[in-house]
């Protein structure tokens, strides 16, 4: 039997000075983990763009 998945993309925007607060990102990931989401990948493609978090959880 194959596992079906739900997928989610979270956008983490930069702060006013262009930086990411690791504490805030960690808190967000902890909250998502409590909801059953698992981080699959994180992409920070450009210096000023947002970071995209790709998550999944069983359907």
PDB file of N, CA and C in Angstrom:
ATOM      1  N   UNK A   1       0.847  -1.188   0.000  1.00  0.00           N
ATOM      2  CA  UNK A   1       0.000   0.000   0.000  1.00  0.00           C
ATOM      3  C   UNK A   1       0.887   1.244   0.000  1.00  0.00           C
ATOM      4  N   UNK A   2       0.515   2.202  -0.806  1.00  0.00           N
ATOM      5  CA  UNK A   2       1.301   3.429  -0.876  1.00  0.00           C
ATOM      6  C   UNK A   2       0.752   4.475   0.086  1.00  0.00           C
ATOM      7  N   UNK A   3       1.649   5.278   0.609  1.00  0.00           N
ATOM      8  CA  UNK A   3       1.261   6.355   1.514  1.00  0.00           C
ATOM      9  C   UNK A   3       0.884   7.584   0.703  1.00  0.00           C
ATOM     10  N   UNK A   4      -0.235   8.175   1.045  1.00  0.00           N
ATOM     11  CA  UNK A   4      -0.648   9.428   0.411  1.00  0.00           C
ATOM     12  C   UNK A   4      -0.190  10.578   1.307  1.00  0.00           C
ATOM     13  N   UNK A   5       0.180  11.679   0.671  1.00  0.00           N
ATOM     14  CA  UNK A   5       0.746  12.808   1.393  1.00  0.00           C
ATOM     15  C   UNK A   5      -0.028  14.091   1.129  1.00  0.00           C
ATOM     16  N   UNK A   6      -0.027  14.959   2.118  1.00  0.00           N
ATOM     17  CA  UNK A   6      -0.441  16.353   1.956  1.00  0.00           C
ATOM     18  C   UNK A   6       0.849  17.152   1.908  1.00  0.00           C
ATOM     19  N   UNK A   7       0.878  18.170   1.062  1.00  0.00           N
ATOM     20  CA  UNK A   7       2.065  19.003   0.922  1.00  0.00           C
ATOM     21  C   UNK A   7       1.727  20.444   1.261  1.00  0.00           C
ATOM     22  N   UNK A   8       2.717  21.160   1.750  1.00  0.00           N
ATOM     23  CA  UNK A   8       2.524  22.555   2.156  1.00  0.00           C
ATOM     24  C   UNK A   8       3.802  23.320   1.834  1.00  0.00           C
ATOM     25  N   UNK A   9       3.641  24.542   1.345  1.00  0.00           N
ATOM     26  CA  UNK A   9       4.780  25.430   1.123  1.00  0.00           C
ATOM     27  C   UNK A   9       4.578  26.649   2.017  1.00  0.00           C
ATOM     28  N   UNK A  10       5.505  26.860   2.928  1.00  0.00           N
ATOM     29  CA  UNK A  10       5.485  28.018   3.820  1.00  0.00           C
ATOM     30  C   UNK A  10       6.468  29.048   3.285  1.00  0.00           C
ATOM     31  N   UNK A  11       6.070  30.293   3.267  1.00  0.00           N
ATOM     32  CA  UNK A  11       6.954  31.377   2.856  1.00  0.00           C
ATOM     33  C   UNK A  11       7.412  32.124   4.099  1.00  0.00           C
ATOM     34  N   UNK A  12       8.718  32.193   4.288  1.00  0.00           N
ATOM     35  CA  UNK A  12       9.291  32.928   5.412  1.00  0.00           C
ATOM     36  C   UNK A  12       9.912  34.195   4.846  1.00  0.00           C
ATOM     37  N   UNK A  13       9.303  35.326   5.177  1.00  0.00           N
ATOM     38  CA  UNK A  13       9.784  36.599   4.646  1.00  0.00           C
ATOM     39  C   UNK A  13      10.933  37.123   5.499  1.00  0.00           C
ATOM     40  N   UNK A  14      11.752  37.933   4.867  1.00  0.00           N
ATOM     41  CA  UNK A  14      12.893  38.530   5.553  1.00  0.00           C
ATOM     42  C   UNK A  14      12.435  39.638   6.484  1.00  0.00           C
ATOM     43  N   UNK A  15      13.256  39.905   7.480  1.00  0.00           N
ATOM     44  CA  UNK A  15      12.990  41.004   8.385  1.00  0.00           C
ATOM     45  C   UNK A  15      13.240  42.340   7.702  1.00  0.00           C
ATOM     46  N   UNK A  16      12.996  43.446   8.393  1.00  0.00           N
ATOM     47  CA  UNK A  16      13.148  44.770   7.788  1.00  0.00           C
ATOM     48  C   UNK A  16      14.579  45.077   7.347  1.00  0.00           C
ATOM     49  N   UNK A  17      15.554  44.461   7.972  1.00  0.00           N
ATOM     50  CA  UNK A  17      16.953  44.687   7.593  1.00  0.00           C
ATOM     51  C   UNK A  17      17.468  43.595   6.661  1.00  0.00           C
ATOM     52  N   UNK A  18      16.589  42.735   6.180  1.00  0.00           N
ATOM     53  CA  UNK A  18      16.968  41.717   5.214  1.00  0.00           C
ATOM     54  C   UNK A  18      17.426  40.406   5.805  1.00  0.00           C
ATOM     55  N   UNK A  19      17.384  40.255   7.107  1.00  0.00           N
ATOM     56  CA  UNK A  19      17.873  39.023   7.724  1.00  0.00           C
ATOM     57  C   UNK A  19      16.751  38.126   8.201  1.00  0.00           C
ATOM     58  N   UNK A  20      17.099  36.871   8.400  1.00  0.00           N
ATOM     59  CA  UNK A  20      16.166  35.903   8.973  1.00  0.00           C
ATOM     60  C   UNK A  20      16.476  35.741  10.450  1.00  0.00           C
ATOM     61  N   UNK A  21      15.464  35.681  11.259  1.00  0.00           N
ATOM     62  CA  UNK A  21      15.654  35.414  12.679  1.00  0.00           C
ATOM     63  C   UNK A  21      15.524  33.912  12.876  1.00  0.00           C
ATOM     64  N   UNK A  22      16.635  33.270  13.194  1.00  0.00           N
ATOM     65  CA  UNK A  22      16.619  31.811  13.324  1.00  0.00           C
ATOM     66  C   UNK A  22      15.686  31.358  14.435  1.00  0.00           C
ATOM     67  N   UNK A  23      15.551  32.157  15.498  1.00  0.00           N
ATOM     68  CA  UNK A  23      14.654  31.779  16.590  1.00  0.00           C
ATOM     69  C   UNK A  23      13.205  31.725  16.114  1.00  0.00           C
ATOM     70  N   UNK A  24      12.809  32.713  15.302  1.00  0.00           N
ATOM     71  CA  UNK A  24      11.436  32.742  14.794  1.00  0.00           C
ATOM     72  C   UNK A  24      11.179  31.585  13.835  1.00  0.00           C
ATOM     73  N   UNK A  25      12.167  31.277  12.986  1.00  0.00           N
ATOM     74  CA  UNK A  25      12.000  30.163  12.057  1.00  0.00           C
ATOM     75  C   UNK A  25      11.921  28.845  12.829  1.00  0.00           C
ATOM     76  N   UNK A  26      12.750  28.704  13.857  1.00  0.00           N
ATOM     77  CA  UNK A  26      12.721  27.482  14.658  1.00  0.00           C
ATOM     78  C   UNK A  26      11.380  27.320  15.366  1.00  0.00           C
ATOM     79  N   UNK A  27      10.844  28.412  15.904  1.00  0.00           N
ATOM     80  CA  UNK A  27       9.530  28.361  16.552  1.00  0.00           C
ATOM     81  C   UNK A  27       8.453  27.938  15.557  1.00  0.00           C
ATOM     82  N   UNK A  28       8.507  28.489  14.350  1.00  0.00           N
ATOM     83  CA  UNK A  28       7.506  28.141  13.321  1.00  0.00           C
ATOM     84  C   UNK A  28       7.620  26.674  12.939  1.00  0.00           C
ATOM     85  N   UNK A  29       8.859  26.182  12.769  1.00  0.00           N
ATOM     86  CA  UNK A  29       9.053  24.773  12.422  1.00  0.00           C
ATOM     87  C   UNK A  29       8.587  23.860  13.551  1.00  0.00           C
ATOM     88  N   UNK A  30       8.819  24.251  14.800  1.00  0.00           N
ATOM     89  CA  UNK A  30       8.348  23.457  15.940  1.00  0.00           C
ATOM     90  C   UNK A  30       6.819  23.375  15.941  1.00  0.00           C
ATOM     91  N   UNK A  31       6.165  24.512  15.682  1.00  0.00           N
ATOM     92  CA  UNK A  31       4.698  24.531  15.646  1.00  0.00           C
ATOM     93  C   UNK A  31       4.171  23.643  14.524  1.00  0.00           C
ATOM     94  N   UNK A  32       4.796  23.717  13.354  1.00  0.00           N
ATOM     95  CA  UNK A  32       4.367  22.872  12.236  1.00  0.00           C
ATOM     96  C   UNK A  32       4.621  21.402  12.542  1.00  0.00           C
ATOM     97  N   UNK A  33       5.732  21.094  13.198  1.00  0.00           N
ATOM     98  CA  UNK A  33       6.025  19.716  13.582  1.00  0.00           C
ATOM     99  C   UNK A  33       4.985  19.169  14.543  1.00  0.00           C
ATOM    100  N   UNK A  34       4.500  20.007  15.457  1.00  0.00           N
ATOM    101  CA  UNK A  34       3.450  19.584  16.385  1.00  0.00           C
ATOM    102  C   UNK A  34       2.150  19.257  15.649  1.00  0.00           C
ATOM    103  N   UNK A  35       1.959  19.852  14.478  1.00  0.00           N
ATOM    104  CA  UNK A  35       0.773  19.588  13.664  1.00  0.00           C
ATOM    105  C   UNK A  35       0.974  18.392  12.738  1.00  0.00           C
ATOM    106  N   UNK A  36       2.159  17.769  12.808  1.00  0.00           N
ATOM    107  CA  UNK A  36       2.421  16.586  11.998  1.00  0.00           C
ATOM    108  C   UNK A  36       3.181  16.845  10.713  1.00  0.00           C
ATOM    109  N   UNK A  37       3.575  18.095  10.462  1.00  0.00           N
ATOM    110  CA  UNK A  37       4.305  18.422   9.243  1.00  0.00           C
ATOM    111  C   UNK A  37       5.773  18.079   9.403  1.00  0.00           C
ATOM    112  N   UNK A  38       6.375  17.583   8.332  1.00  0.00           N
ATOM    113  CA  UNK A  38       7.794  17.236   8.289  1.00  0.00           C
ATOM    114  C   UNK A  38       8.469  18.092   7.224  1.00  0.00           C
ATOM    115  N   UNK A  39       9.571  18.743   7.601  1.00  0.00           N
ATOM    116  CA  UNK A  39      10.308  19.564   6.647  1.00  0.00           C
ATOM    117  C   UNK A  39      11.022  18.669   5.647  1.00  0.00           C
ATOM    118  N   UNK A  40      10.778  18.924   4.365  1.00  0.00           N
ATOM    119  CA  UNK A  40      11.399  18.146   3.293  1.00  0.00           C
ATOM    120  C   UNK A  40      12.572  18.914   2.702  1.00  0.00           C
ATOM    121  N   UNK A  41      12.392  20.232   2.505  1.00  0.00           N
ATOM    122  CA  UNK A  41      13.434  21.037   1.887  1.00  0.00           C
ATOM    123  C   UNK A  41      13.197  22.502   2.235  1.00  0.00           C
ATOM    124  N   UNK A  42      14.256  23.282   2.205  1.00  0.00           N
ATOM    125  CA  UNK A  42      14.171  24.728   2.378  1.00  0.00           C
ATOM    126  C   UNK A  42      15.001  25.366   1.277  1.00  0.00           C
ATOM    127  N   UNK A  43      14.431  26.384   0.622  1.00  0.00           N
ATOM    128  CA  UNK A  43      15.116  27.037  -0.488  1.00  0.00           C
ATOM    129  C   UNK A  43      15.151  28.537  -0.233  1.00  0.00           C
ATOM    130  N   UNK A  44      16.342  29.080  -0.286  1.00  0.00           N
ATOM    131  CA  UNK A  44      16.537  30.533  -0.201  1.00  0.00           C
ATOM    132  C   UNK A  44      17.235  30.929  -1.493  1.00  0.00           C
ATOM    133  N   UNK A  45      16.447  31.218  -2.522  1.00  0.00           N
ATOM    134  CA  UNK A  45      16.971  31.357  -3.879  1.00  0.00           C
ATOM    135  C   UNK A  45      17.708  32.668  -4.129  1.00  0.00           C
ATOM    136  N   UNK A  46      17.239  33.748  -3.542  1.00  0.00           N
ATOM    137  CA  UNK A  46      17.880  35.040  -3.786  1.00  0.00           C
ATOM    138  C   UNK A  46      18.210  35.710  -2.463  1.00  0.00           C
ATOM    139  N   UNK A  47      19.116  36.665  -2.528  1.00  0.00           N
ATOM    140  CA  UNK A  47      19.559  37.349  -1.313  1.00  0.00           C
ATOM    141  C   UNK A  47      18.420  38.098  -0.621  1.00  0.00           C
ATOM    142  N   UNK A  48      17.541  38.722  -1.391  1.00  0.00           N
ATOM    143  CA  UNK A  48      16.467  39.532  -0.811  1.00  0.00           C
ATOM    144  C   UNK A  48      15.110  38.851  -0.834  1.00  0.00           C
ATOM    145  N   UNK A  49      15.023  37.692  -1.457  1.00  0.00           N
ATOM    146  CA  UNK A  49      13.742  37.002  -1.553  1.00  0.00           C
ATOM    147  C   UNK A  49      13.423  36.193  -0.307  1.00  0.00           C
ATOM    148  N   UNK A  50      12.213  35.684  -0.239  1.00  0.00           N
ATOM    149  CA  UNK A  50      11.812  34.884   0.918  1.00  0.00           C
ATOM    150  C   UNK A  50      12.441  33.493   0.881  1.00  0.00           C
ATOM    151  N   UNK A  51      12.411  32.837   2.021  1.00  0.00           N
ATOM    152  CA  UNK A  51      12.812  31.435   2.106  1.00  0.00           C
ATOM    153  C   UNK A  51      11.547  30.596   1.998  1.00  0.00           C
ATOM    154  N   UNK A  52      11.583  29.565   1.183  1.00  0.00           N
ATOM    155  CA  UNK A  52      10.441  28.670   1.022  1.00  0.00           C
ATOM    156  C   UNK A  52      10.723  27.377   1.770  1.00  0.00           C
ATOM    157  N   UNK A  53       9.777  26.973   2.599  1.00  0.00           N
ATOM    158  CA  UNK A  53       9.871  25.719   3.336  1.00  0.00           C
ATOM    159  C   UNK A  53       8.884  24.740   2.723  1.00  0.00           C
ATOM    160  N   UNK A  54       9.362  23.588   2.297  1.00  0.00           N
ATOM    161  CA  UNK A  54       8.521  22.557   1.702  1.00  0.00           C
ATOM    162  C   UNK A  54       8.304  21.473   2.748  1.00  0.00           C
ATOM    163  N   UNK A  55       7.033  21.215   3.061  1.00  0.00           N
ATOM    164  CA  UNK A  55       6.684  20.273   4.115  1.00  0.00           C
ATOM    165  C   UNK A  55       5.715  19.222   3.599  1.00  0.00           C
ATOM    166  N   UNK A  56       5.661  18.089   4.311  1.00  0.00           N
ATOM    167  CA  UNK A  56       4.692  17.044   3.974  1.00  0.00           C
ATOM    168  C   UNK A  56       4.229  16.374   5.260  1.00  0.00           C
ATOM    169  N   UNK A  57       3.054  15.747   5.175  1.00  0.00           N
ATOM    170  CA  UNK A  57       2.545  14.914   6.261  1.00  0.00           C
ATOM    171  C   UNK A  57       1.619  13.875   5.659  1.00  0.00           C
ATOM    172  N   UNK A  58       1.475  12.739   6.309  1.00  0.00           N
ATOM    173  CA  UNK A  58       0.577  11.714   5.772  1.00  0.00           C
ATOM    174  C   UNK A  58      -0.852  12.243   5.668  1.00  0.00           C
ATOM    175  N   UNK A  59      -1.538  11.837   4.617  1.00  0.00           N
ATOM    176  CA  UNK A  59      -2.923  12.272   4.391  1.00  0.00           C
ATOM    177  C   UNK A  59      -3.858  11.591   5.373  1.00  0.00           C
TER     178      UNK A  59
END
